[in-house]
């Protein structure tokens, strides 16, 4: 057993009994657990990646050059995979506007992932809903938003689906627009831990159900200054809609389109020197299950309705 193995074993033991562990010892154990098996010079790898990019800034001329480009891209990706991922900022590292934009985003806090419901600038505390421990309050410095994970949609946010979209009812079955939207599902039928937009006699909020409790609904009121939460019975709950994850977004600039020969494709942000887009598609004949082609803008029908 190497010294690093011994240190990791010590860290596992310390974290397992962290209830009585001093903060400094606990932090040291976490640092040891995060150590890599071997060290890599980040600066040197980044230099290699930049050198591999530079020869391919010139227009492509031959099939040989295309083949070399593909191989070089594969090597570059392998090198990039070696580099450690950049550390994500906590709420404490953000501006007030950035923190507010993190509401309904999934976030890491201590040993679990939860959903950010409230951010209180006065106390620098965030409230989260978590599956294991219900409603939690954590300091901004202990909450790391995870923007790559699906974010929830909140009623009135502009992107939230209507009741008809949620439950596939026709327009004449929907409640009057002047009334509170109401789900056809009964509160007592909601599965455990599903997060819903709800209305209570107190205010509108976000709630989830723990059926084993006598008053099973735990509700947070994100739009109130006091950021309060309480417990309610099924009879006091009006369901508005289930809070669902937004679909994952494409990388910036990439767009979805249909091609007459290739089918559904992902399109590059810009054209090359021949005025062609690079498009990416599934390819069962390819070892990796995907491939790329070139296409003219006139051949593409973009799903966002905007022409090339």
Protein backbone atom coordinates (compact mmCIF):
# COMPACT_ATOMS: atom_id res chain seq x y z
CA UNK A 1 0.00 0.00 0.00
CA UNK A 2 1.41 3.39 -1.06
CA UNK A 3 1.43 6.49 1.12
CA UNK A 4 -1.41 7.88 -0.97
CA UNK A 5 -3.46 4.71 -0.39
CA UNK A 6 -2.85 5.01 3.36
CA UNK A 7 -3.90 8.66 3.32
CA UNK A 8 -7.10 7.82 1.43
CA UNK A 9 -7.91 5.05 3.89
CA UNK A 10 -7.48 7.55 6.74
CA UNK A 11 -9.72 10.05 4.93
CA UNK A 12 -12.48 7.46 4.44
CA UNK A 13 -12.35 6.61 8.14
CA UNK A 14 -12.46 10.26 9.17
CA UNK A 15 -15.37 11.18 6.91
CA UNK A 16 -17.35 8.14 8.03
CA UNK A 17 -17.32 9.57 11.57
CA UNK A 18 -17.58 13.25 10.66
CA UNK A 19 -20.27 14.07 13.25
CA UNK A 20 -17.60 14.66 15.88
CA UNK A 21 -14.75 15.58 13.54
CA UNK A 22 -13.27 19.12 13.77
CA UNK A 23 -13.87 21.20 10.65
CA UNK A 24 -10.17 21.36 9.70
CA UNK A 25 -9.79 17.60 9.93
CA UNK A 26 -12.88 17.05 7.83
CA UNK A 27 -11.68 19.50 5.15
CA UNK A 28 -8.26 17.78 5.09
CA UNK A 29 -9.93 14.41 4.56
CA UNK A 30 -11.97 15.78 1.63
CA UNK A 31 -8.82 17.20 0.02
CA UNK A 32 -7.02 13.85 0.33
CA UNK A 33 -9.96 12.03 -1.27
CA UNK A 34 -9.88 14.41 -4.23
CA UNK A 35 -6.17 13.85 -5.00
CA UNK A 36 -5.46 12.27 -8.42
CA UNK A 37 -3.60 9.00 -8.84
CA UNK A 38 -0.86 10.83 -10.73
CA UNK A 39 0.04 14.43 -11.48
CA UNK A 40 -0.27 16.01 -14.92
CA UNK A 41 1.29 19.31 -15.98
CA UNK A 42 -1.78 21.31 -16.96
CA UNK A 43 0.27 24.03 -18.68
CA UNK A 44 2.13 21.49 -20.82
CA UNK A 45 -1.04 19.71 -21.92
CA UNK A 46 -2.70 23.02 -22.82
CA UNK A 47 0.33 23.99 -24.92
CA UNK A 48 0.07 20.70 -26.84
CA UNK A 49 -3.64 21.25 -27.46
CA UNK A 50 -3.00 24.73 -28.86
CA UNK A 51 -0.23 23.42 -31.13
CA UNK A 52 -2.57 20.72 -32.44
CA UNK A 53 -5.22 23.32 -33.30
CA UNK A 54 -3.02 25.73 -35.26
CA UNK A 55 -2.23 23.69 -38.43
CA UNK A 56 -5.93 23.23 -39.17
CA UNK A 57 -6.84 26.88 -39.41
CA UNK A 58 -6.01 26.73 -43.14
CA UNK A 59 -8.60 25.63 -45.78
CA UNK A 60 -8.81 21.84 -46.27
CA UNK A 61 -7.55 20.61 -49.65
CA UNK A 62 -7.34 16.80 -49.76
CA UNK A 63 -8.86 13.65 -48.29
CA UNK A 64 -5.49 13.03 -46.60
CA UNK A 65 -5.74 16.35 -44.78
CA UNK A 66 -9.28 15.51 -43.71
CA UNK A 67 -8.06 12.18 -42.32
CA UNK A 68 -5.24 13.83 -40.41
CA UNK A 69 -7.67 16.42 -39.05
CA UNK A 70 -9.96 13.68 -37.71
CA UNK A 71 -7.09 11.85 -36.04
CA UNK A 72 -5.68 15.06 -34.58
CA UNK A 73 -9.11 16.00 -33.20
CA UNK A 74 -9.35 12.60 -31.50
CA UNK A 75 -5.92 13.06 -29.88
CA UNK A 76 -6.81 16.58 -28.81
CA UNK A 77 -9.99 15.36 -27.11
CA UNK A 78 -8.04 12.66 -25.26
CA UNK A 79 -5.61 15.29 -23.98
CA UNK A 80 -8.46 17.57 -22.93
CA UNK A 81 -9.98 14.67 -20.98
CA UNK A 82 -6.79 14.45 -18.90
CA UNK A 83 -7.12 18.04 -17.73
CA UNK A 84 -9.00 18.56 -14.46
CA UNK A 85 -12.44 20.07 -14.83
CA UNK A 86 -12.60 23.74 -13.81
CA UNK A 87 -13.97 24.28 -10.32
CA UNK A 88 -17.56 25.46 -10.40
CA UNK A 89 -18.36 28.69 -8.51
CA UNK A 90 -20.48 28.61 -5.35
CA UNK A 91 -23.33 31.05 -4.74
CA UNK A 92 -20.88 33.12 -2.70
CA UNK A 93 -18.73 33.64 -5.83
CA UNK A 94 -21.64 35.08 -7.84
CA UNK A 95 -23.36 38.43 -8.20
CA UNK A 96 -26.88 38.92 -6.87
CA UNK A 97 -28.30 38.64 -10.40
CA UNK A 98 -26.39 35.40 -11.04
CA UNK A 99 -27.63 33.93 -7.76
CA UNK A 100 -31.23 34.81 -8.62
CA UNK A 101 -30.81 33.07 -11.98
CA UNK A 102 -29.86 29.89 -10.10
CA UNK A 103 -33.32 29.45 -8.59
CA UNK A 104 -34.80 26.05 -9.59
CA UNK A 105 -31.32 24.87 -10.54
CA UNK A 106 -29.85 21.68 -9.11
CA UNK A 107 -26.92 22.26 -6.77
CA UNK A 108 -24.36 20.34 -4.73
CA UNK A 109 -24.37 21.06 -1.00
CA UNK A 110 -22.22 19.04 1.35
CA UNK A 111 -23.07 15.38 0.63
CA UNK A 112 -26.18 15.68 -1.52
CA UNK A 113 -27.76 17.36 -4.52
CA UNK A 114 -30.85 19.53 -4.07
CA UNK A 115 -32.96 22.11 -5.90
CA UNK A 116 -32.36 25.80 -5.10
CA UNK A 117 -35.70 27.40 -4.22
CA UNK A 118 -34.75 30.62 -2.40
CA UNK A 119 -31.65 32.81 -2.12
CA UNK A 120 -31.71 35.33 0.73
CA UNK A 121 -29.22 38.17 0.19
CA UNK A 122 -29.60 39.51 3.73
CA UNK A 123 -28.61 36.30 5.52
CA UNK A 124 -26.57 34.83 2.62
CA UNK A 125 -28.54 31.61 3.00
CA UNK A 126 -30.10 29.45 0.29
CA UNK A 127 -33.03 27.11 0.80
CA UNK A 128 -33.04 23.84 -1.07
CA UNK A 129 -35.38 20.89 -1.49
CA UNK A 130 -33.51 17.58 -1.26
CA UNK A 131 -34.72 14.03 -1.65
CA UNK A 132 -33.02 12.64 1.45
CA UNK A 133 -33.39 15.46 3.99
CA UNK A 134 -36.30 17.58 2.80
CA UNK A 135 -35.88 21.34 3.14
CA UNK A 136 -32.35 22.50 3.91
CA UNK A 137 -30.80 25.89 4.63
CA UNK A 138 -27.17 26.35 3.60
CA UNK A 139 -24.74 29.26 3.47
CA UNK A 140 -23.97 30.57 -0.02
CA UNK A 141 -20.39 29.30 0.27
CA UNK A 142 -21.67 25.72 0.76
CA UNK A 143 -23.92 25.66 -2.34
CA UNK A 144 -22.45 24.92 -5.79
CA UNK A 145 -25.00 25.29 -8.63
CA UNK A 146 -24.81 22.59 -11.33
CA UNK A 147 -25.79 24.37 -14.57
CA UNK A 148 -25.19 21.29 -16.74
CA UNK A 149 -28.00 19.38 -14.98
CA UNK A 150 -31.65 19.98 -15.94
CA UNK A 151 -33.22 23.01 -14.30
CA UNK A 152 -36.83 23.05 -13.11
CA UNK A 153 -39.47 25.33 -14.59
CA UNK A 154 -41.58 27.54 -12.34
CA UNK A 155 -45.05 28.81 -13.14
CA UNK A 156 -44.97 32.36 -14.50
CA UNK A 157 -41.32 32.09 -15.56
CA UNK A 158 -42.24 32.42 -19.23
CA UNK A 159 -40.91 28.98 -20.18
CA UNK A 160 -43.31 26.93 -18.06
CA UNK A 161 -45.69 24.71 -20.05
CA UNK A 162 -49.41 25.32 -19.75
CA UNK A 163 -51.73 22.91 -17.98
CA UNK A 164 -52.83 21.65 -21.40
CA UNK A 165 -49.22 20.87 -22.31
CA UNK A 166 -48.61 19.18 -18.97
CA UNK A 167 -51.67 16.96 -18.95
CA UNK A 168 -52.59 16.88 -22.66
CA UNK A 169 -56.08 18.34 -22.19
CA UNK A 170 -57.88 20.40 -24.83
CA UNK A 171 -58.24 24.16 -24.59
CA UNK A 172 -61.96 23.97 -23.63
CA UNK A 173 -61.05 21.69 -20.71
CA UNK A 174 -58.64 24.20 -19.20
CA UNK A 175 -59.66 26.37 -16.25
CA UNK A 176 -60.67 29.97 -16.91
CA UNK A 177 -57.56 32.16 -17.30
CA UNK A 178 -58.77 34.42 -14.49
CA UNK A 179 -58.83 31.50 -12.08
CA UNK A 180 -55.98 29.65 -10.42
CA UNK A 181 -54.78 26.89 -12.81
CA UNK A 182 -55.62 23.56 -11.22
CA UNK A 183 -54.29 20.09 -11.96
CA UNK A 184 -56.72 17.20 -12.45
CA UNK A 185 -54.53 15.08 -10.15
CA UNK A 186 -55.51 14.88 -6.47
CA UNK A 187 -52.91 15.92 -3.86
CA UNK A 188 -53.15 12.56 -2.09
CA UNK A 189 -52.24 10.78 -5.36
CA UNK A 190 -48.94 12.60 -5.88
CA UNK A 191 -45.97 10.20 -5.56
CA UNK A 192 -43.49 10.78 -2.75
CA UNK A 193 -40.85 13.48 -3.34
CA UNK A 194 -42.28 14.84 -6.62
CA UNK A 195 -41.88 18.63 -6.59
CA UNK A 196 -45.04 20.60 -7.49
CA UNK A 197 -46.12 24.21 -7.77
CA UNK A 198 -48.96 24.45 -5.24
CA UNK A 199 -51.39 26.93 -3.69
CA UNK A 200 -52.13 26.82 0.03
CA UNK A 201 -54.34 29.06 2.21
CA UNK A 202 -51.10 30.90 3.05
CA UNK A 203 -49.55 31.57 -0.40
CA UNK A 204 -48.29 29.98 -3.60
CA UNK A 205 -45.23 27.81 -3.16
CA UNK A 206 -43.25 24.74 -4.14
CA UNK A 207 -44.04 21.54 -2.30
CA UNK A 208 -43.39 17.83 -2.14
CA UNK A 209 -45.22 15.01 -0.40
CA UNK A 210 -44.11 12.57 2.31
CA UNK A 211 -47.10 10.17 2.51
CA UNK A 212 -46.01 8.62 5.80
CA UNK A 213 -46.57 11.91 7.65
CA UNK A 214 -49.91 12.94 9.19
CA UNK A 215 -49.55 16.29 7.38
CA UNK A 216 -47.66 15.09 4.32
CA UNK A 217 -46.98 18.30 2.34
CA UNK A 218 -43.76 20.27 2.91
CA UNK A 219 -44.09 23.67 1.21
CA UNK A 220 -41.60 26.51 0.60
CA UNK A 221 -42.83 29.99 -0.35
CA UNK A 222 -40.06 31.36 -2.61
CA UNK A 223 -41.69 34.73 -3.35
CA UNK A 224 -42.06 35.82 0.28
CA UNK A 225 -39.42 37.95 1.96
CA UNK A 226 -39.37 35.73 5.05
CA UNK A 227 -38.60 32.62 2.93
CA UNK A 228 -40.76 30.53 5.23
CA UNK A 229 -41.86 26.92 4.85
CA UNK A 230 -44.47 24.81 6.62
CA UNK A 231 -46.32 21.50 6.66
CA UNK A 232 -49.80 21.10 5.19
CA UNK A 233 -52.45 18.41 4.84
CA UNK A 234 -53.81 17.16 1.50
CA UNK A 235 -57.04 19.15 1.95
CA UNK A 236 -55.08 22.43 2.12
CA UNK A 237 -53.19 21.83 -1.15
CA UNK A 238 -54.26 22.98 -4.62
CA UNK A 239 -51.96 21.49 -7.24
CA UNK A 240 -50.98 23.89 -10.05
CA UNK A 241 -48.52 21.80 -12.04
CA UNK A 242 -45.61 19.48 -11.56
CA UNK A 243 -42.22 21.16 -11.71
CA UNK A 244 -40.43 19.43 -14.55
CA UNK A 245 -36.92 19.68 -15.92
CA UNK A 246 -36.22 21.92 -18.88
CA UNK A 247 -34.85 20.01 -21.88
CA UNK A 248 -31.04 20.12 -22.04
CA UNK A 249 -29.74 22.85 -24.33
CA UNK A 250 -27.36 22.39 -27.25
CA UNK A 251 -23.88 23.91 -26.99
CA UNK A 252 -23.91 27.64 -27.73
CA UNK A 253 -24.50 28.41 -31.41
CA UNK A 254 -25.42 24.85 -32.41
CA UNK A 255 -28.89 24.32 -33.92
CA UNK A 256 -31.19 21.41 -34.75
CA UNK A 257 -32.33 20.95 -38.34
CA UNK A 258 -33.79 18.41 -40.76
CA UNK A 259 -31.92 17.39 -43.93
CA UNK A 260 -33.63 15.60 -46.87
CA UNK A 261 -31.01 12.84 -46.91
CA UNK A 262 -29.47 12.82 -43.43
CA UNK A 263 -32.64 13.30 -41.35
CA UNK A 264 -32.38 15.10 -37.99
CA UNK A 265 -28.95 16.73 -37.56
CA UNK A 266 -27.06 19.09 -35.27
CA UNK A 267 -25.64 22.01 -37.26
CA UNK A 268 -22.37 23.89 -36.66
CA UNK A 269 -22.62 27.59 -35.73
CA UNK A 270 -20.82 28.83 -38.85
CA UNK A 271 -20.03 27.79 -42.41
CA UNK A 272 -16.54 26.90 -43.59
CA UNK A 273 -14.57 28.48 -46.44
CA UNK A 274 -16.77 26.62 -48.99
CA UNK A 275 -19.98 28.01 -47.43
CA UNK A 276 -20.88 24.58 -46.09
CA UNK A 277 -22.16 23.76 -42.61
CA UNK A 278 -20.73 20.80 -40.77
CA UNK A 279 -23.64 18.62 -39.57
CA UNK A 280 -23.57 15.80 -37.03
CA UNK A 281 -25.86 12.79 -37.20
CA UNK A 282 -26.39 9.23 -36.07
CA UNK A 283 -24.57 6.68 -38.20
CA UNK A 284 -25.14 3.00 -37.47
CA UNK A 285 -22.43 2.06 -39.95
CA UNK A 286 -19.90 4.00 -37.89
CA UNK A 287 -18.00 2.39 -35.03
CA UNK A 288 -18.86 5.27 -32.71
CA UNK A 289 -22.54 5.28 -33.72
CA UNK A 290 -22.31 8.82 -35.09
CA UNK A 291 -20.70 10.68 -37.97
CA UNK A 292 -20.53 14.12 -39.61
CA UNK A 293 -21.17 15.46 -43.11
CA UNK A 294 -21.21 18.79 -44.96
CA UNK A 295 -24.47 20.49 -46.01
CA UNK A 296 -25.60 23.68 -47.73
CA UNK A 297 -27.83 26.08 -45.83
CA UNK A 298 -30.49 25.70 -48.53
CA UNK A 299 -30.72 21.98 -47.72
CA UNK A 300 -31.48 22.52 -44.03
CA UNK A 301 -34.82 23.18 -42.37
CA UNK A 302 -34.07 24.57 -38.93
CA UNK A 303 -36.39 23.54 -36.11
CA UNK A 304 -36.36 27.04 -34.58
CA UNK A 305 -38.02 28.37 -37.74
CA UNK A 306 -35.17 30.75 -38.57
CA UNK A 307 -33.48 30.37 -41.96
CA UNK A 308 -29.76 29.72 -42.28
